[in-house]
């Protein structure tokens, strides 16, 4: 019985050692992933600034033909009349409450908006949460995207998201224009977990559409870095649409990269907790092993002493 218990403890100790090796590997991978996504976000800052300056020039010169009806002069939204949302989550586990936090936050925020909401989801785990919980509110889960495994995978994902949300493009065909007018989104929100000081992450949201007066006035007020203002060459409307597409692209890219950085930060924290628990478990198993082995040795010694005493008694008698 004693030898069986010692063998069992030895197997558990070896299993804990192997598990710690796996956890350490996952911890290192999560730490490396955080770095690449944070670097990609920082690398976009200059490009995002350039897009803002381009839009500032367009709006400063009164290039608003894409937003005003030529008949009534009232603003129109070229993206349709449906409220849409993109929620970024994860496909993989070991991230704590990462998906629950962003899903519940998105549901609470969207429930306060009037009318129906169409949601596109990145990540199977947050998709399940939204599909199960969203049935209690007027929320339609319209699509599911796979979470990218690296920075290189973010660009194709953003392209698919923009196509699904029917971002307008110049020169589109009549069939697609009719579909966009019917099914496009008038408001587009992004929901993602973002790194915050004092916490691993926090859920946030950003409204991309509509591109309203306040947004355009803010951009028009950005000062040009030199004394010579640029001029828009060629079609001003095509330039404006191109800059808006880049603005939407960069915004979605940054949201996805921040979500991925937060996901890996959550996984890193989970792996650190697991590592600490495994170390404590290993220490407890080692102590139990030593105590049991010492008890086994003591029993064997007592048996030897008892046998010697018994033999000595027979000899003396």
Protein backbone atom coordinates (compact mmCIF):
# COMPACT_ATOMS: atom_id res chain seq x y z
CA UNK A 1 0.00 0.00 0.00
CA UNK A 2 2.80 2.39 0.92
CA UNK A 3 4.76 1.67 -2.27
CA UNK A 4 1.60 2.17 -4.35
CA UNK A 5 1.00 5.59 -2.72
CA UNK A 6 4.60 6.62 -3.31
CA UNK A 7 4.37 5.61 -6.96
CA UNK A 8 1.12 7.56 -7.33
CA UNK A 9 2.65 10.66 -5.79
CA UNK A 10 5.71 10.34 -8.01
CA UNK A 11 3.48 10.22 -11.11
CA UNK A 12 1.58 13.29 -9.94
CA UNK A 13 4.83 15.18 -9.36
CA UNK A 14 6.05 14.29 -12.85
CA UNK A 15 2.67 15.30 -14.31
CA UNK A 16 2.81 18.65 -12.54
CA UNK A 17 6.33 19.20 -13.87
CA UNK A 18 5.19 18.48 -17.45
CA UNK A 19 2.15 20.73 -17.04
CA UNK A 20 4.32 23.57 -15.79
CA UNK A 21 6.51 23.22 -18.86
CA UNK A 22 3.44 23.58 -21.10
CA UNK A 23 2.19 26.58 -19.13
CA UNK A 24 5.61 28.26 -19.33
CA UNK A 25 5.61 27.79 -23.12
CA UNK A 26 2.12 29.29 -23.45
CA UNK A 27 3.16 32.14 -21.18
CA UNK A 28 6.15 32.94 -23.40
CA UNK A 29 4.00 32.79 -26.55
CA UNK A 30 1.41 35.13 -25.03
CA UNK A 31 4.11 37.62 -24.00
CA UNK A 32 5.59 37.59 -27.52
CA UNK A 33 2.16 38.04 -29.10
CA UNK A 34 1.38 41.05 -26.92
CA UNK A 35 4.52 42.74 -28.20
CA UNK A 36 3.74 42.27 -31.89
CA UNK A 37 0.20 43.58 -31.58
CA UNK A 38 1.24 46.58 -29.53
CA UNK A 39 3.98 47.42 -32.03
CA UNK A 40 1.51 47.20 -34.92
CA UNK A 41 -0.83 49.59 -33.14
CA UNK A 42 1.96 52.11 -32.55
CA UNK A 43 3.11 51.77 -36.16
CA UNK A 44 -0.33 52.91 -37.36
CA UNK A 45 -0.22 56.18 -35.47
CA UNK A 46 1.67 58.12 -38.18
CA UNK A 47 -0.48 56.70 -40.96
CA UNK A 48 -3.66 57.48 -39.03
CA UNK A 49 -2.40 61.04 -38.61
CA UNK A 50 -1.78 61.31 -42.36
CA UNK A 51 -5.34 60.14 -43.09
CA UNK A 52 -6.70 62.69 -40.64
CA UNK A 53 -4.74 65.47 -42.34
CA UNK A 54 -6.05 64.40 -45.74
CA UNK A 55 -9.63 64.45 -44.50
CA UNK A 56 -8.97 67.81 -42.86
CA UNK A 57 -7.97 69.29 -46.22
CA UNK A 58 -11.06 67.84 -47.91
CA UNK A 59 -13.45 69.21 -45.31
CA UNK A 60 -11.65 72.53 -45.02
CA UNK A 61 -12.18 73.09 -48.75
CA UNK A 62 -15.90 72.34 -48.43
CA UNK A 63 -15.77 68.93 -50.10
CA UNK A 64 -19.04 67.60 -48.67
CA UNK A 65 -20.88 66.59 -51.83
CA UNK A 66 -20.93 62.95 -50.74
CA UNK A 67 -22.85 63.84 -47.62
CA UNK A 68 -25.47 66.29 -48.90
CA UNK A 69 -28.42 65.69 -51.14
CA UNK A 70 -28.18 67.80 -54.33
CA UNK A 71 -31.94 68.34 -54.19
CA UNK A 72 -32.72 69.14 -50.56
CA UNK A 73 -29.27 70.09 -49.32
CA UNK A 74 -29.85 67.86 -46.29
CA UNK A 75 -27.25 65.41 -45.15
CA UNK A 76 -27.68 61.81 -46.18
CA UNK A 77 -25.82 58.77 -44.96
CA UNK A 78 -24.40 56.73 -47.88
CA UNK A 79 -24.10 53.62 -45.70
CA UNK A 80 -27.77 52.70 -45.33
CA UNK A 81 -30.18 52.80 -42.39
CA UNK A 82 -29.34 49.86 -40.10
CA UNK A 83 -27.44 49.95 -36.80
CA UNK A 84 -24.47 47.60 -37.01
CA UNK A 85 -21.81 46.48 -34.56
CA UNK A 86 -18.56 44.55 -34.75
CA UNK A 87 -17.59 42.69 -31.57
CA UNK A 88 -14.04 41.39 -31.18
CA UNK A 89 -13.50 38.33 -28.98
CA UNK A 90 -11.43 35.16 -29.06
CA UNK A 91 -11.49 31.70 -30.63
CA UNK A 92 -9.27 30.12 -27.98
CA UNK A 93 -9.77 29.64 -24.26
CA UNK A 94 -7.58 30.19 -21.20
CA UNK A 95 -8.40 33.90 -21.23
CA UNK A 96 -10.46 34.20 -18.05
CA UNK A 97 -13.66 36.24 -18.51
CA UNK A 98 -12.32 38.02 -21.60
CA UNK A 99 -15.25 37.05 -23.83
CA UNK A 100 -17.94 37.35 -21.18
CA UNK A 101 -16.85 40.89 -20.33
CA UNK A 102 -16.96 42.24 -23.89
CA UNK A 103 -20.14 40.34 -24.83
CA UNK A 104 -22.08 41.58 -21.80
CA UNK A 105 -20.80 45.13 -22.35
CA UNK A 106 -21.86 45.07 -26.02
CA UNK A 107 -25.32 43.71 -25.17
CA UNK A 108 -25.91 46.38 -22.53
CA UNK A 109 -24.77 49.16 -24.84
CA UNK A 110 -26.70 47.96 -27.90
CA UNK A 111 -29.87 47.30 -25.88
CA UNK A 112 -30.08 51.04 -25.19
CA UNK A 113 -30.19 51.85 -28.93
CA UNK A 114 -33.55 52.03 -30.73
CA UNK A 115 -34.58 49.48 -33.34
CA UNK A 116 -32.91 46.28 -34.43
CA UNK A 117 -29.17 45.76 -34.37
CA UNK A 118 -27.10 43.62 -36.70
CA UNK A 119 -23.89 42.26 -35.15
CA UNK A 120 -20.80 40.77 -36.75
CA UNK A 121 -18.61 38.79 -34.37
CA UNK A 122 -14.91 37.92 -34.43
CA UNK A 123 -14.30 34.82 -32.32
CA UNK A 124 -16.35 31.68 -31.72
CA UNK A 125 -16.39 32.00 -27.94
CA UNK A 126 -17.82 35.50 -27.88
CA UNK A 127 -20.18 34.46 -30.70
CA UNK A 128 -21.66 31.74 -28.48
CA UNK A 129 -22.08 34.21 -25.65
CA UNK A 130 -23.84 36.77 -27.86
CA UNK A 131 -26.03 34.17 -29.58
CA UNK A 132 -27.23 32.79 -26.25
CA UNK A 133 -27.65 36.08 -24.42
CA UNK A 134 -28.62 38.29 -27.33
CA UNK A 135 -31.89 36.45 -27.87
CA UNK A 136 -33.30 38.36 -24.90
CA UNK A 137 -32.79 41.67 -26.71
CA UNK A 138 -33.54 42.76 -30.28
CA UNK A 139 -30.14 41.68 -31.59
CA UNK A 140 -29.31 39.69 -34.74
CA UNK A 141 -25.94 37.96 -35.00
CA UNK A 142 -25.30 38.34 -38.73
CA UNK A 143 -21.85 36.84 -39.19
CA UNK A 144 -18.84 35.17 -37.62
CA UNK A 145 -15.17 35.79 -38.43
CA UNK A 146 -12.11 33.83 -37.38
CA UNK A 147 -9.67 35.57 -35.08
CA UNK A 148 -6.31 36.19 -36.82
CA UNK A 149 -3.29 34.32 -35.51
CA UNK A 150 -0.81 37.08 -36.32
CA UNK A 151 -0.58 40.71 -37.38
CA UNK A 152 -0.53 39.64 -41.04
CA UNK A 153 -4.00 38.15 -40.63
CA UNK A 154 -5.60 41.40 -39.47
CA UNK A 155 -5.66 43.09 -42.89
CA UNK A 156 -7.68 40.31 -44.63
CA UNK A 157 -10.05 40.24 -41.67
CA UNK A 158 -10.66 43.99 -41.86
CA UNK A 159 -11.34 43.67 -45.58
CA UNK A 160 -13.97 40.99 -44.95
CA UNK A 161 -15.57 43.06 -42.19
CA UNK A 162 -15.83 46.09 -44.46
CA UNK A 163 -17.36 43.99 -47.22
CA UNK A 164 -19.90 42.45 -44.84
CA UNK A 165 -20.89 45.81 -43.41
CA UNK A 166 -21.21 47.04 -47.03
CA UNK A 167 -18.87 49.96 -46.95
CA UNK A 168 -19.60 52.10 -50.02
CA UNK A 169 -17.07 52.21 -52.81
CA UNK A 170 -16.92 54.53 -55.81
CA UNK A 171 -18.11 53.04 -59.07
CA UNK A 172 -20.02 50.17 -57.49
CA UNK A 173 -22.66 48.46 -59.67
CA UNK A 174 -26.35 49.15 -59.46
CA UNK A 175 -27.11 45.73 -57.95
CA UNK A 176 -24.65 46.22 -55.14
CA UNK A 177 -25.77 49.81 -54.62
CA UNK A 178 -29.38 48.63 -54.28
CA UNK A 179 -28.33 45.94 -51.81
CA UNK A 180 -26.30 48.43 -49.80
CA UNK A 181 -29.16 50.90 -49.69
CA UNK A 182 -31.41 48.11 -48.38
CA UNK A 183 -29.08 46.28 -45.98
CA UNK A 184 -26.28 48.74 -45.24
CA UNK A 185 -25.56 50.17 -41.81
CA UNK A 186 -26.31 53.74 -40.84
CA UNK A 187 -24.45 53.43 -37.55
CA UNK A 188 -21.44 51.21 -37.02
CA UNK A 189 -20.01 50.51 -33.57
CA UNK A 190 -16.86 48.65 -32.59
CA UNK A 191 -16.68 46.73 -29.30
CA UNK A 192 -13.37 45.40 -28.04
CA UNK A 193 -11.27 44.97 -24.93
CA UNK A 194 -8.51 47.53 -24.66
CA UNK A 195 -5.50 47.69 -22.35
CA UNK A 196 -5.94 50.11 -19.48
CA UNK A 197 -3.60 51.30 -16.75
CA UNK A 198 -4.27 49.56 -13.45
CA UNK A 199 -6.03 46.65 -15.16
CA UNK A 200 -5.29 43.99 -17.75
CA UNK A 201 -8.05 45.28 -20.05
CA UNK A 202 -11.39 47.04 -20.05
CA UNK A 203 -14.29 46.88 -22.54
CA UNK A 204 -14.67 49.95 -24.76
CA UNK A 205 -16.67 50.91 -27.82
CA UNK A 206 -16.20 53.33 -30.69
CA UNK A 207 -18.74 54.70 -33.13
CA UNK A 208 -17.43 54.82 -36.70
CA UNK A 209 -20.62 55.73 -38.52
CA UNK A 210 -22.32 58.03 -39.24
CA UNK A 211 -19.60 60.53 -40.07
CA UNK A 212 -21.51 63.46 -38.66
CA UNK A 213 -20.99 67.24 -38.46
CA UNK A 214 -19.10 67.09 -35.17
CA UNK A 215 -16.63 64.58 -36.62
CA UNK A 216 -16.07 66.65 -39.76
CA UNK A 217 -15.69 69.92 -37.87
CA UNK A 218 -13.12 68.33 -35.60
CA UNK A 219 -11.09 67.14 -38.57
CA UNK A 220 -11.44 70.43 -40.42
CA UNK A 221 -9.95 72.18 -37.39
CA UNK A 222 -6.72 70.16 -37.47
CA UNK A 223 -3.90 72.58 -38.40
CA UNK A 224 -1.73 71.72 -41.39
CA UNK A 225 1.90 71.20 -40.32
CA UNK A 226 3.29 73.70 -42.86
CA UNK A 227 2.30 77.13 -44.22
CA UNK A 228 1.51 75.72 -47.67
CA UNK A 229 -1.87 74.02 -47.88
CA UNK A 230 -2.13 71.11 -50.36
CA UNK A 231 -4.66 70.84 -53.17
CA UNK A 232 -6.78 67.83 -54.03
CA UNK A 233 -5.87 66.49 -57.46
CA UNK A 234 -8.37 64.75 -59.70
CA UNK A 235 -11.83 63.82 -58.45
CA UNK A 236 -12.44 65.33 -55.05
CA UNK A 237 -15.28 62.93 -54.31
CA UNK A 238 -13.14 59.88 -55.15
CA UNK A 239 -10.36 61.24 -52.93
CA UNK A 240 -12.77 61.79 -50.07
CA UNK A 241 -14.18 58.26 -50.37
CA UNK A 242 -10.67 56.81 -50.50
CA UNK A 243 -9.64 58.68 -47.35
CA UNK A 244 -12.81 57.62 -45.55
CA UNK A 245 -12.14 53.99 -46.48
CA UNK A 246 -8.64 54.34 -45.05
CA UNK A 247 -10.04 55.93 -41.90
CA UNK A 248 -12.43 53.01 -41.42
CA UNK A 249 -9.68 50.50 -42.22
CA UNK A 250 -7.22 51.95 -39.71
CA UNK A 251 -9.90 52.21 -37.02
CA UNK A 252 -10.89 48.56 -37.47
CA UNK A 253 -7.26 47.44 -37.63
CA UNK A 254 -6.42 49.23 -34.38
CA UNK A 255 -9.50 47.84 -32.64
CA UNK A 256 -8.61 44.29 -33.70
CA UNK A 257 -4.96 44.70 -32.70
CA UNK A 258 -5.90 46.10 -29.30
CA UNK A 259 -8.34 43.24 -28.74
CA UNK A 260 -5.65 40.70 -29.62
CA UNK A 261 -3.14 42.39 -27.33
CA UNK A 262 -5.70 42.35 -24.50
CA UNK A 263 -6.57 38.72 -25.20
CA UNK A 264 -2.94 37.68 -24.90
CA UNK A 265 -2.49 39.85 -21.81
CA UNK A 266 -5.43 38.04 -20.24
CA UNK A 267 -3.95 34.68 -21.27
CA UNK A 268 -0.57 35.71 -19.86
CA UNK A 269 -2.18 36.60 -16.53
CA UNK A 270 -4.06 33.27 -16.53
CA UNK A 271 -0.83 31.39 -17.25
CA UNK A 272 0.95 33.23 -14.43
CA UNK A 273 -1.81 32.23 -12.04
CA UNK A 274 -1.67 28.65 -13.30
CA UNK A 275 2.10 28.62 -12.94
CA UNK A 276 1.82 29.82 -9.35
CA UNK A 277 -0.84 27.20 -8.56
CA UNK A 278 1.23 24.44 -10.17
CA UNK A 279 4.29 25.46 -8.15
CA UNK A 280 2.24 25.36 -4.96
CA UNK A 281 0.76 21.98 -5.93
CA UNK A 282 4.23 20.62 -6.73
CA UNK A 283 5.53 21.80 -3.36
CA UNK A 284 2.59 20.15 -1.57
CA UNK A 285 3.10 16.91 -3.51
CA UNK A 286 6.82 16.93 -2.72
CA UNK A 287 6.11 17.39 0.98
CA UNK A 288 3.53 14.59 0.92
CA UNK A 289 5.99 12.38 -0.93
CA UNK A 290 8.78 13.04 1.60
CA UNK A 291 6.46 12.52 4.58
CA UNK A 292 5.13 9.27 3.15
CA UNK A 293 8.59 8.02 2.28
CA UNK A 294 9.86 8.91 5.77
CA UNK A 295 6.88 7.12 7.29
CA UNK A 296 7.64 4.10 5.14
CA UNK A 297 11.27 4.14 6.25
CA UNK A 298 10.25 4.54 9.90
CA UNK A 299 7.89 1.56 9.68
CA UNK A 300 10.60 -0.56 8.12
CA UNK A 301 13.04 0.45 10.88
CA UNK A 302 10.48 -0.34 13.57
CA UNK A 303 9.95 -3.76 11.97
CA UNK A 304 13.71 -4.39 11.99
CA UNK A 305 14.06 -3.25 15.62
CA UNK A 306 11.08 -5.36 16.66
CA UNK A 307 12.56 -8.38 14.88
CA UNK A 308 15.97 -7.87 16.51
CA UNK A 309 14.37 -7.53 19.95
CA UNK A 310 12.31 -10.66 19.38
CA UNK A 311 15.37 -12.60 18.23
CA UNK A 312 17.39 -11.36 21.22
CA UNK A 313 14.65 -12.51 23.57
CA UNK A 314 14.65 -15.99 22.12
CA UNK A 315 18.45 -16.25 22.40
CA UNK A 316 18.47 -15.10 26.03
CA UNK A 317 15.78 -17.57 26.93
